[in-house]
N, C-alpha and C. Protein backbone atom coordinates (compact mmCIF):
# COMPACT_ATOMS: atom_id res chain seq x y z
N MET A 1 84.15 106.17 99.07
CA MET A 1 85.29 105.95 99.92
C MET A 1 86.38 105.25 99.11
N HIS A 2 87.59 105.63 99.34
CA HIS A 2 88.71 105.09 98.58
C HIS A 2 89.07 103.69 99.06
N LEU A 3 89.44 102.85 98.12
CA LEU A 3 89.77 101.46 98.44
C LEU A 3 90.91 101.36 99.45
N LEU A 4 91.88 102.24 99.36
CA LEU A 4 93.00 102.21 100.31
C LEU A 4 92.52 102.44 101.74
N TYR A 5 91.49 103.27 101.89
CA TYR A 5 90.93 103.50 103.22
C TYR A 5 90.35 102.20 103.78
N GLU A 6 89.71 101.43 102.93
CA GLU A 6 89.11 100.18 103.38
C GLU A 6 90.17 99.19 103.84
N PHE A 7 91.32 99.17 103.16
CA PHE A 7 92.40 98.30 103.60
C PHE A 7 92.99 98.80 104.93
N ARG A 8 93.00 100.09 105.11
CA ARG A 8 93.52 100.67 106.34
C ARG A 8 92.70 100.24 107.55
N ILE A 9 91.42 99.98 107.35
CA ILE A 9 90.56 99.52 108.45
C ILE A 9 91.17 98.26 109.06
N VAL A 10 91.57 97.34 108.21
CA VAL A 10 92.13 96.08 108.70
C VAL A 10 93.44 96.33 109.44
N LYS A 11 94.28 97.18 108.89
CA LYS A 11 95.57 97.46 109.52
C LYS A 11 95.41 98.16 110.86
N ASN A 12 94.41 99.02 110.98
CA ASN A 12 94.21 99.80 112.20
C ASN A 12 93.32 99.11 113.24
N ALA A 13 92.69 98.04 112.86
CA ALA A 13 91.71 97.41 113.73
C ALA A 13 92.29 97.01 115.08
N GLU A 14 93.46 96.42 115.09
CA GLU A 14 94.05 95.97 116.35
C GLU A 14 94.30 97.14 117.31
N ASN A 15 94.78 98.25 116.77
CA ASN A 15 95.09 99.41 117.63
C ASN A 15 93.85 100.15 118.11
N HIS A 16 92.76 100.04 117.37
CA HIS A 16 91.58 100.85 117.68
C HIS A 16 90.33 100.01 118.00
N LYS A 17 90.52 98.74 118.27
CA LYS A 17 89.36 97.87 118.46
C LYS A 17 88.49 98.25 119.67
N HIS A 18 89.01 99.05 120.57
CA HIS A 18 88.23 99.46 121.74
C HIS A 18 87.67 100.88 121.59
N ASN A 19 87.86 101.46 120.41
CA ASN A 19 87.39 102.81 120.13
C ASN A 19 86.04 102.73 119.42
N PRO A 20 84.95 103.08 120.10
CA PRO A 20 83.61 102.96 119.51
C PRO A 20 83.47 103.76 118.20
N GLU A 21 84.10 104.92 118.11
CA GLU A 21 84.01 105.72 116.89
C GLU A 21 84.65 104.99 115.72
N PHE A 22 85.80 104.35 115.97
CA PHE A 22 86.47 103.57 114.92
C PHE A 22 85.58 102.40 114.49
N ILE A 23 85.03 101.70 115.45
CA ILE A 23 84.18 100.54 115.15
C ILE A 23 82.99 100.96 114.31
N ASN A 24 82.31 102.04 114.70
CA ASN A 24 81.15 102.52 113.95
C ASN A 24 81.53 102.92 112.53
N ASP A 25 82.66 103.62 112.38
CA ASP A 25 83.12 104.03 111.07
C ASP A 25 83.48 102.82 110.21
N ALA A 26 84.13 101.83 110.82
CA ALA A 26 84.51 100.62 110.09
C ALA A 26 83.27 99.87 109.60
N ILE A 27 82.26 99.77 110.43
CA ILE A 27 81.02 99.09 110.04
C ILE A 27 80.35 99.84 108.89
N ASP A 28 80.27 101.16 108.99
CA ASP A 28 79.66 101.95 107.92
C ASP A 28 80.42 101.75 106.60
N THR A 29 81.73 101.76 106.68
CA THR A 29 82.56 101.59 105.48
C THR A 29 82.35 100.22 104.87
N LEU A 30 82.35 99.19 105.70
CA LEU A 30 82.16 97.83 105.18
C LEU A 30 80.76 97.63 104.60
N GLU A 31 79.76 98.23 105.20
CA GLU A 31 78.41 98.16 104.64
C GLU A 31 78.38 98.81 103.25
N ASN A 32 79.08 99.92 103.11
CA ASN A 32 79.16 100.61 101.82
C ASN A 32 79.86 99.73 100.78
N VAL A 33 80.92 99.07 101.18
CA VAL A 33 81.65 98.17 100.28
C VAL A 33 80.74 97.03 99.82
N VAL A 34 79.99 96.46 100.74
CA VAL A 34 79.09 95.36 100.40
C VAL A 34 78.04 95.83 99.41
N ARG A 35 77.46 97.02 99.62
CA ARG A 35 76.46 97.55 98.69
C ARG A 35 77.05 97.72 97.29
N LYS A 36 78.27 98.24 97.22
CA LYS A 36 78.93 98.43 95.92
C LYS A 36 79.17 97.08 95.24
N MET A 37 79.62 96.11 95.99
CA MET A 37 79.88 94.79 95.43
C MET A 37 78.59 94.14 94.95
N GLU A 38 77.51 94.28 95.72
CA GLU A 38 76.22 93.72 95.31
C GLU A 38 75.73 94.36 94.02
N ARG A 39 75.93 95.67 93.88
CA ARG A 39 75.53 96.37 92.67
C ARG A 39 76.31 95.85 91.46
N ILE A 40 77.60 95.67 91.62
CA ILE A 40 78.44 95.16 90.53
C ILE A 40 78.04 93.74 90.17
N LEU A 41 77.82 92.90 91.18
CA LEU A 41 77.40 91.52 90.91
C LEU A 41 76.06 91.47 90.18
N THR A 42 75.14 92.33 90.56
CA THR A 42 73.85 92.39 89.89
C THR A 42 74.04 92.75 88.42
N GLN A 43 74.90 93.72 88.15
CA GLN A 43 75.17 94.11 86.76
C GLN A 43 75.78 92.96 85.99
N LEU A 44 76.69 92.24 86.59
CA LEU A 44 77.33 91.11 85.92
C LEU A 44 76.32 90.00 85.63
N LYS A 45 75.43 89.74 86.58
CA LYS A 45 74.42 88.71 86.40
C LYS A 45 73.44 89.05 85.28
N LYS A 46 73.22 90.34 85.07
CA LYS A 46 72.32 90.77 84.01
C LYS A 46 72.98 90.65 82.64
N GLY A 47 74.24 90.29 82.60
CA GLY A 47 74.92 90.06 81.34
C GLY A 47 75.43 91.30 80.65
N GLN A 48 75.53 92.40 81.38
CA GLN A 48 76.08 93.60 80.77
C GLN A 48 77.55 93.38 80.47
N ASP A 49 78.03 93.92 79.35
CA ASP A 49 79.45 93.77 79.07
C ASP A 49 80.25 94.76 79.93
N HIS A 50 81.53 94.52 80.02
CA HIS A 50 82.38 95.32 80.91
C HIS A 50 82.39 96.79 80.54
N ALA A 51 82.20 97.11 79.29
CA ALA A 51 82.23 98.51 78.87
C ALA A 51 81.04 99.29 79.43
N LYS A 52 79.95 98.59 79.72
CA LYS A 52 78.76 99.26 80.21
C LYS A 52 78.62 99.22 81.73
N LEU A 53 79.51 98.53 82.42
CA LEU A 53 79.40 98.44 83.88
C LEU A 53 79.59 99.82 84.50
N LYS A 54 78.80 100.10 85.51
CA LYS A 54 78.91 101.37 86.21
C LYS A 54 79.62 101.14 87.53
N PHE A 55 80.92 101.29 87.51
CA PHE A 55 81.70 101.10 88.72
C PHE A 55 81.61 102.35 89.58
N PRO A 56 81.59 102.16 90.90
CA PRO A 56 81.51 103.32 91.80
C PRO A 56 82.76 104.18 91.69
N ASN A 57 82.56 105.46 91.92
CA ASN A 57 83.70 106.39 91.94
C ASN A 57 84.40 106.31 93.28
N TYR A 58 85.70 106.30 93.25
CA TYR A 58 86.49 106.31 94.48
C TYR A 58 87.16 107.63 94.63
């Protein structure tokens, strides 16, 4: 998922907060973001240099 989409969640939240489909999609997206961040943090903790980090594709 593209990073700009994740920012759009915040911008659209007020208008769509009562839309169950929006809420479910937002939760799925945020869970995905957390998984990606945890993966990157794990790589950093293992001491890999930046050239070897495997960043997710957007």
